[in-house]
PDB file of N, CA and C in Angstrom:
ATOM      1  N   UNK A   1       0.815  -1.182   0.000  1.00  0.00           N
ATOM      2  CA  UNK A   1       0.000   0.000   0.000  1.00  0.00           C
ATOM      3  C   UNK A   1       0.868   1.258   0.000  1.00  0.00           C
ATOM      4  N   UNK A   2       1.937   1.287   0.787  1.00  0.00           N
ATOM      5  CA  UNK A   2       2.778   2.479   0.828  1.00  0.00           C
ATOM      6  C   UNK A   2       3.454   2.744  -0.510  1.00  0.00           C
ATOM      7  N   UNK A   3       3.838   1.680  -1.198  1.00  0.00           N
ATOM      8  CA  UNK A   3       4.459   1.853  -2.516  1.00  0.00           C
ATOM      9  C   UNK A   3       3.467   2.505  -3.463  1.00  0.00           C
ATOM     10  N   UNK A   4       2.244   2.026  -3.466  1.00  0.00           N
ATOM     11  CA  UNK A   4       1.219   2.594  -4.349  1.00  0.00           C
ATOM     12  C   UNK A   4       0.874   4.021  -3.935  1.00  0.00           C
ATOM     13  N   UNK A   5       0.833   4.287  -2.645  1.00  0.00           N
ATOM     14  CA  UNK A   5       0.555   5.646  -2.180  1.00  0.00           C
ATOM     15  C   UNK A   5       1.680   6.588  -2.598  1.00  0.00           C
ATOM     16  N   UNK A   6       2.916   6.103  -2.527  1.00  0.00           N
ATOM     17  CA  UNK A   6       4.068   6.902  -2.958  1.00  0.00           C
ATOM     18  C   UNK A   6       4.006   7.184  -4.453  1.00  0.00           C
ATOM     19  N   UNK A   7       3.434   6.262  -5.215  1.00  0.00           N
ATOM     20  CA  UNK A   7       3.284   6.440  -6.663  1.00  0.00           C
ATOM     21  C   UNK A   7       2.056   7.287  -6.995  1.00  0.00           C
ATOM     22  N   UNK A   8       1.455   7.868  -5.967  1.00  0.00           N
ATOM     23  CA  UNK A   8       0.310   8.784  -6.088  1.00  0.00           C
ATOM     24  C   UNK A   8      -0.967   8.115  -6.595  1.00  0.00           C
ATOM     25  N   UNK A   9      -1.132   6.851  -6.248  1.00  0.00           N
ATOM     26  CA  UNK A   9      -2.381   6.165  -6.577  1.00  0.00           C
ATOM     27  C   UNK A   9      -3.447   6.626  -5.572  1.00  0.00           C
ATOM     28  N   UNK A  10      -4.514   7.266  -6.054  1.00  0.00           N
ATOM     29  CA  UNK A  10      -5.514   7.854  -5.146  1.00  0.00           C
ATOM     30  C   UNK A  10      -6.124   6.874  -4.152  1.00  0.00           C
ATOM     31  N   UNK A  11      -6.429   5.664  -4.580  1.00  0.00           N
ATOM     32  CA  UNK A  11      -7.063   4.719  -3.651  1.00  0.00           C
ATOM     33  C   UNK A  11      -6.107   4.318  -2.527  1.00  0.00           C
ATOM     34  N   UNK A  12      -4.831   4.184  -2.829  1.00  0.00           N
ATOM     35  CA  UNK A  12      -3.847   3.839  -1.800  1.00  0.00           C
ATOM     36  C   UNK A  12      -3.624   5.013  -0.849  1.00  0.00           C
ATOM     37  N   UNK A  13      -3.602   6.229  -1.392  1.00  0.00           N
ATOM     38  CA  UNK A  13      -3.451   7.402  -0.536  1.00  0.00           C
ATOM     39  C   UNK A  13      -4.649   7.546   0.394  1.00  0.00           C
ATOM     40  N   UNK A  14      -5.833   7.302  -0.131  1.00  0.00           N
ATOM     41  CA  UNK A  14      -7.041   7.391   0.695  1.00  0.00           C
ATOM     42  C   UNK A  14      -7.032   6.332   1.789  1.00  0.00           C
ATOM     43  N   UNK A  15      -6.588   5.130   1.445  1.00  0.00           N
ATOM     44  CA  UNK A  15      -6.528   4.051   2.435  1.00  0.00           C
ATOM     45  C   UNK A  15      -5.530   4.396   3.543  1.00  0.00           C
ATOM     46  N   UNK A  16      -4.393   4.963   3.166  1.00  0.00           N
ATOM     47  CA  UNK A  16      -3.397   5.373   4.153  1.00  0.00           C
ATOM     48  C   UNK A  16      -3.978   6.423   5.099  1.00  0.00           C
ATOM     49  N   UNK A  17      -4.632   7.423   4.533  1.00  0.00           N
ATOM     50  CA  UNK A  17      -5.229   8.469   5.366  1.00  0.00           C
ATOM     51  C   UNK A  17      -6.337   7.916   6.254  1.00  0.00           C
ATOM     52  N   UNK A  18      -7.098   6.964   5.739  1.00  0.00           N
ATOM     53  CA  UNK A  18      -8.157   6.337   6.534  1.00  0.00           C
ATOM     54  C   UNK A  18      -7.564   5.583   7.726  1.00  0.00           C
ATOM     55  N   UNK A  19      -6.425   4.934   7.508  1.00  0.00           N
ATOM     56  CA  UNK A  19      -5.779   4.195   8.596  1.00  0.00           C
ATOM     57  C   UNK A  19      -5.283   5.113   9.714  1.00  0.00           C
ATOM     58  N   UNK A  20      -4.814   6.296   9.357  1.00  0.00           N
ATOM     59  CA  UNK A  20      -4.246   7.173  10.379  1.00  0.00           C
ATOM     60  C   UNK A  20      -5.204   8.260  10.850  1.00  0.00           C
ATOM     61  N   UNK A  21      -6.397   8.300  10.280  1.00  0.00           N
ATOM     62  CA  UNK A  21      -7.381   9.324  10.665  1.00  0.00           C
ATOM     63  C   UNK A  21      -7.666   9.352  12.173  1.00  0.00           C
ATOM     64  N   UNK A  22      -7.818   8.206  12.842  1.00  0.00           N
ATOM     65  CA  UNK A  22      -8.054   8.265  14.300  1.00  0.00           C
ATOM     66  C   UNK A  22      -6.921   8.968  15.055  1.00  0.00           C
ATOM     67  N   UNK A  23      -5.684   8.760  14.637  1.00  0.00           N
ATOM     68  CA  UNK A  23      -4.557   9.426  15.299  1.00  0.00           C
ATOM     69  C   UNK A  23      -4.568  10.927  15.030  1.00  0.00           C
ATOM     70  N   UNK A  24      -4.938  11.309  13.819  1.00  0.00           N
ATOM     71  CA  UNK A  24      -5.032  12.731  13.490  1.00  0.00           C
ATOM     72  C   UNK A  24      -6.079  13.387  14.385  1.00  0.00           C
ATOM     73  N   UNK A  25      -7.234  12.770  14.480  1.00  0.00           N
ATOM     74  CA  UNK A  25      -8.316  13.338  15.300  1.00  0.00           C
ATOM     75  C   UNK A  25      -7.957  13.364  16.786  1.00  0.00           C
ATOM     76  N   UNK A  26      -7.230  12.347  17.236  1.00  0.00           N
ATOM     77  CA  UNK A  26      -6.812  12.300  18.639  1.00  0.00           C
ATOM     78  C   UNK A  26      -5.932  13.505  18.976  1.00  0.00           C
ATOM     79  N   UNK A  27      -5.006  13.816  18.088  1.00  0.00           N
ATOM     80  CA  UNK A  27      -4.055  14.891  18.361  1.00  0.00           C
ATOM     81  C   UNK A  27      -4.633  16.287  18.149  1.00  0.00           C
ATOM     82  N   UNK A  28      -5.797  16.383  17.529  1.00  0.00           N
ATOM     83  CA  UNK A  28      -6.408  17.702  17.322  1.00  0.00           C
ATOM     84  C   UNK A  28      -7.686  17.875  18.149  1.00  0.00           C
ATOM     85  N   UNK A  29      -7.958  16.973  19.046  1.00  0.00           N
ATOM     86  CA  UNK A  29      -9.246  16.940  19.738  1.00  0.00           C
ATOM     87  C   UNK A  29      -9.535  18.162  20.601  1.00  0.00           C
ATOM     88  N   UNK A  30      -8.526  18.844  21.099  1.00  0.00           N
ATOM     89  CA  UNK A  30      -8.773  19.977  21.989  1.00  0.00           C
ATOM     90  C   UNK A  30      -8.728  21.331  21.281  1.00  0.00           C
ATOM     91  N   UNK A  31      -8.519  21.322  19.988  1.00  0.00           N
ATOM     92  CA  UNK A  31      -8.484  22.586  19.247  1.00  0.00           C
ATOM     93  C   UNK A  31      -9.901  23.091  18.996  1.00  0.00           C
ATOM     94  N   UNK A  32     -10.074  24.406  18.899  1.00  0.00           N
ATOM     95  CA  UNK A  32     -11.385  24.937  18.498  1.00  0.00           C
ATOM     96  C   UNK A  32     -11.762  24.401  17.117  1.00  0.00           C
ATOM     97  N   UNK A  33     -13.051  24.324  16.832  1.00  0.00           N
ATOM     98  CA  UNK A  33     -13.562  23.646  15.633  1.00  0.00           C
ATOM     99  C   UNK A  33     -12.855  24.063  14.348  1.00  0.00           C
ATOM    100  N   UNK A  34     -12.784  25.366  14.068  1.00  0.00           N
ATOM    101  CA  UNK A  34     -12.180  25.808  12.809  1.00  0.00           C
ATOM    102  C   UNK A  34     -10.679  25.520  12.773  1.00  0.00           C
ATOM    103  N   UNK A  35     -10.015  25.713  13.893  1.00  0.00           N
ATOM    104  CA  UNK A  35      -8.593  25.390  13.966  1.00  0.00           C
ATOM    105  C   UNK A  35      -8.374  23.892  13.802  1.00  0.00           C
ATOM    106  N   UNK A  36      -9.282  23.108  14.371  1.00  0.00           N
ATOM    107  CA  UNK A  36      -9.194  21.649  14.284  1.00  0.00           C
ATOM    108  C   UNK A  36      -9.278  21.200  12.830  1.00  0.00           C
ATOM    109  N   UNK A  37     -10.248  21.740  12.091  1.00  0.00           N
ATOM    110  CA  UNK A  37     -10.394  21.367  10.681  1.00  0.00           C
ATOM    111  C   UNK A  37      -9.157  21.760   9.882  1.00  0.00           C
ATOM    112  N   UNK A  38      -8.654  22.961  10.121  1.00  0.00           N
ATOM    113  CA  UNK A  38      -7.460  23.426   9.409  1.00  0.00           C
ATOM    114  C   UNK A  38      -6.251  22.556   9.737  1.00  0.00           C
ATOM    115  N   UNK A  39      -6.076  22.245  11.014  1.00  0.00           N
ATOM    116  CA  UNK A  39      -4.937  21.432  11.436  1.00  0.00           C
ATOM    117  C   UNK A  39      -5.015  20.029  10.848  1.00  0.00           C
ATOM    118  N   UNK A  40      -6.197  19.432  10.867  1.00  0.00           N
ATOM    119  CA  UNK A  40      -6.359  18.091  10.301  1.00  0.00           C
ATOM    120  C   UNK A  40      -6.038  18.088   8.811  1.00  0.00           C
ATOM    121  N   UNK A  41      -6.499  19.106   8.096  1.00  0.00           N
ATOM    122  CA  UNK A  41      -6.225  19.191   6.665  1.00  0.00           C
ATOM    123  C   UNK A  41      -4.722  19.363   6.409  1.00  0.00           C
ATOM    124  N   UNK A  42      -4.069  20.203   7.197  1.00  0.00           N
ATOM    125  CA  UNK A  42      -2.626  20.408   7.042  1.00  0.00           C
ATOM    126  C   UNK A  42      -1.856  19.116   7.320  1.00  0.00           C
ATOM    127  N   UNK A  43      -2.281  18.371   8.322  1.00  0.00           N
ATOM    128  CA  UNK A  43      -1.621  17.102   8.644  1.00  0.00           C
ATOM    129  C   UNK A  43      -1.761  16.132   7.477  1.00  0.00           C
ATOM    130  N   UNK A  44      -2.969  16.036   6.908  1.00  0.00           N
ATOM    131  CA  UNK A  44      -3.173  15.140   5.764  1.00  0.00           C
ATOM    132  C   UNK A  44      -2.279  15.537   4.587  1.00  0.00           C
ATOM    133  N   UNK A  45      -2.206  16.820   4.306  1.00  0.00           N
ATOM    134  CA  UNK A  45      -1.373  17.304   3.197  1.00  0.00           C
ATOM    135  C   UNK A  45       0.092  16.973   3.457  1.00  0.00           C
ATOM    136  N   UNK A  46       0.557  17.218   4.669  1.00  0.00           N
ATOM    137  CA  UNK A  46       1.963  16.952   4.993  1.00  0.00           C
ATOM    138  C   UNK A  46       2.284  15.464   4.925  1.00  0.00           C
ATOM    139  N   UNK A  47       1.348  14.623   5.307  1.00  0.00           N
ATOM    140  CA  UNK A  47       1.567  13.180   5.214  1.00  0.00           C
ATOM    141  C   UNK A  47       1.733  12.770   3.757  1.00  0.00           C
ATOM    142  N   UNK A  48       0.842  13.255   2.900  1.00  0.00           N
ATOM    143  CA  UNK A  48       0.938  12.899   1.484  1.00  0.00           C
ATOM    144  C   UNK A  48       2.208  13.463   0.853  1.00  0.00           C
ATOM    145  N   UNK A  49       2.596  14.663   1.232  1.00  0.00           N
ATOM    146  CA  UNK A  49       3.842  15.241   0.701  1.00  0.00           C
ATOM    147  C   UNK A  49       5.066  14.498   1.217  1.00  0.00           C
ATOM    148  N   UNK A  50       4.997  14.008   2.435  1.00  0.00           N
ATOM    149  CA  UNK A  50       6.148  13.304   3.004  1.00  0.00           C
ATOM    150  C   UNK A  50       6.407  11.974   2.304  1.00  0.00           C
ATOM    151  N   UNK A  51       5.415  11.451   1.615  1.00  0.00           N
ATOM    152  CA  UNK A  51       5.621  10.205   0.872  1.00  0.00           C
ATOM    153  C   UNK A  51       6.697  10.364  -0.191  1.00  0.00           C
ATOM    154  N   UNK A  52       6.851  11.569  -0.735  1.00  0.00           N
ATOM    155  CA  UNK A  52       7.889  11.811  -1.737  1.00  0.00           C
ATOM    156  C   UNK A  52       9.286  11.637  -1.151  1.00  0.00           C
ATOM    157  N   UNK A  53       9.456  11.965   0.125  1.00  0.00           N
ATOM    158  CA  UNK A  53      10.761  11.843   0.776  1.00  0.00           C
ATOM    159  C   UNK A  53      10.963  10.476   1.432  1.00  0.00           C
ATOM    160  N   UNK A  54       9.901   9.727   1.552  1.00  0.00           N
ATOM    161  CA  UNK A  54       9.921   8.435   2.231  1.00  0.00           C
ATOM    162  C   UNK A  54      10.658   7.408   1.377  1.00  0.00           C
ATOM    163  N   UNK A  55      11.656   6.767   1.955  1.00  0.00           N
ATOM    164  CA  UNK A  55      12.416   5.747   1.243  1.00  0.00           C
ATOM    165  C   UNK A  55      11.859   4.376   1.619  1.00  0.00           C
ATOM    166  N   UNK A  56      11.376   3.674   0.622  1.00  0.00           N
ATOM    167  CA  UNK A  56      10.775   2.365   0.869  1.00  0.00           C
ATOM    168  C   UNK A  56      11.844   1.291   0.713  1.00  0.00           C
ATOM    169  N   UNK A  57      11.993   0.517   1.764  1.00  0.00           N
ATOM    170  CA  UNK A  57      12.922  -0.615   1.739  1.00  0.00           C
ATOM    171  C   UNK A  57      12.098  -1.885   1.813  1.00  0.00           C
ATOM    172  N   UNK A  58      12.731  -2.985   1.633  1.00  0.00           N
ATOM    173  CA  UNK A  58      12.003  -4.255   1.682  1.00  0.00           C
ATOM    174  C   UNK A  58      11.805  -4.670   3.138  1.00  0.00           C
ATOM    175  N   UNK A  59      10.818  -4.083   3.757  1.00  0.00           N
ATOM    176  CA  UNK A  59      10.463  -4.388   5.138  1.00  0.00           C
ATOM    177  C   UNK A  59       9.043  -4.913   5.128  1.00  0.00           C
ATOM    178  N   UNK A  60       8.832  -6.011   5.800  1.00  0.00           N
ATOM    179  CA  UNK A  60       7.500  -6.597   5.846  1.00  0.00           C
ATOM    180  C   UNK A  60       6.771  -6.076   7.077  1.00  0.00           C
ATOM    181  N   UNK A  61       5.753  -5.261   6.831  1.00  0.00           N
ATOM    182  CA  UNK A  61       4.950  -4.698   7.908  1.00  0.00           C
ATOM    183  C   UNK A  61       3.494  -4.854   7.518  1.00  0.00           C
ATOM    184  N   UNK A  62       2.708  -5.412   8.416  1.00  0.00           N
ATOM    185  CA  UNK A  62       1.287  -5.535   8.118  1.00  0.00           C
ATOM    186  C   UNK A  62       0.599  -4.210   8.407  1.00  0.00           C
ATOM    187  N   UNK A  63      -0.571  -4.011   7.808  1.00  0.00           N
ATOM    188  CA  UNK A  63      -1.300  -2.761   8.005  1.00  0.00           C
ATOM    189  C   UNK A  63      -1.716  -2.581   9.455  1.00  0.00           C
ATOM    190  N   UNK A  64      -1.933  -3.669  10.173  1.00  0.00           N
ATOM    191  CA  UNK A  64      -2.316  -3.545  11.578  1.00  0.00           C
ATOM    192  C   UNK A  64      -1.153  -3.026  12.421  1.00  0.00           C
ATOM    193  N   UNK A  65       0.093  -3.229  11.959  1.00  0.00           N
ATOM    194  CA  UNK A  65       1.247  -2.700  12.679  1.00  0.00           C
ATOM    195  C   UNK A  65       1.316  -1.186  12.597  1.00  0.00           C
ATOM    196  N   UNK A  66       0.639  -0.602  11.616  1.00  0.00           N
ATOM    197  CA  UNK A  66       0.676   0.842  11.435  1.00  0.00           C
ATOM    198  C   UNK A  66      -0.258   1.558  12.388  1.00  0.00           C
ATOM    199  N   UNK A  67      -1.169   0.836  13.010  1.00  0.00           N
ATOM    200  CA  UNK A  67      -2.151   1.481  13.893  1.00  0.00           C
ATOM    201  C   UNK A  67      -1.619   1.692  15.267  1.00  0.00           C
TER     202      UNK A  67
END
């Protein structure tokens, strides 16, 4: 999934964001509503941009390990 997300495949990127969405919401839970929405959006953008710098090696990790 990470390889496909790095290759900018929309379904893989969406799946990655879906997996980490609970963590994003956890870390923004105390922000005021508008700030919370802005912060969550910025986090999603930065995650997708960071895929360009992410070096993928042959490591076997299941999706449940990412949670």
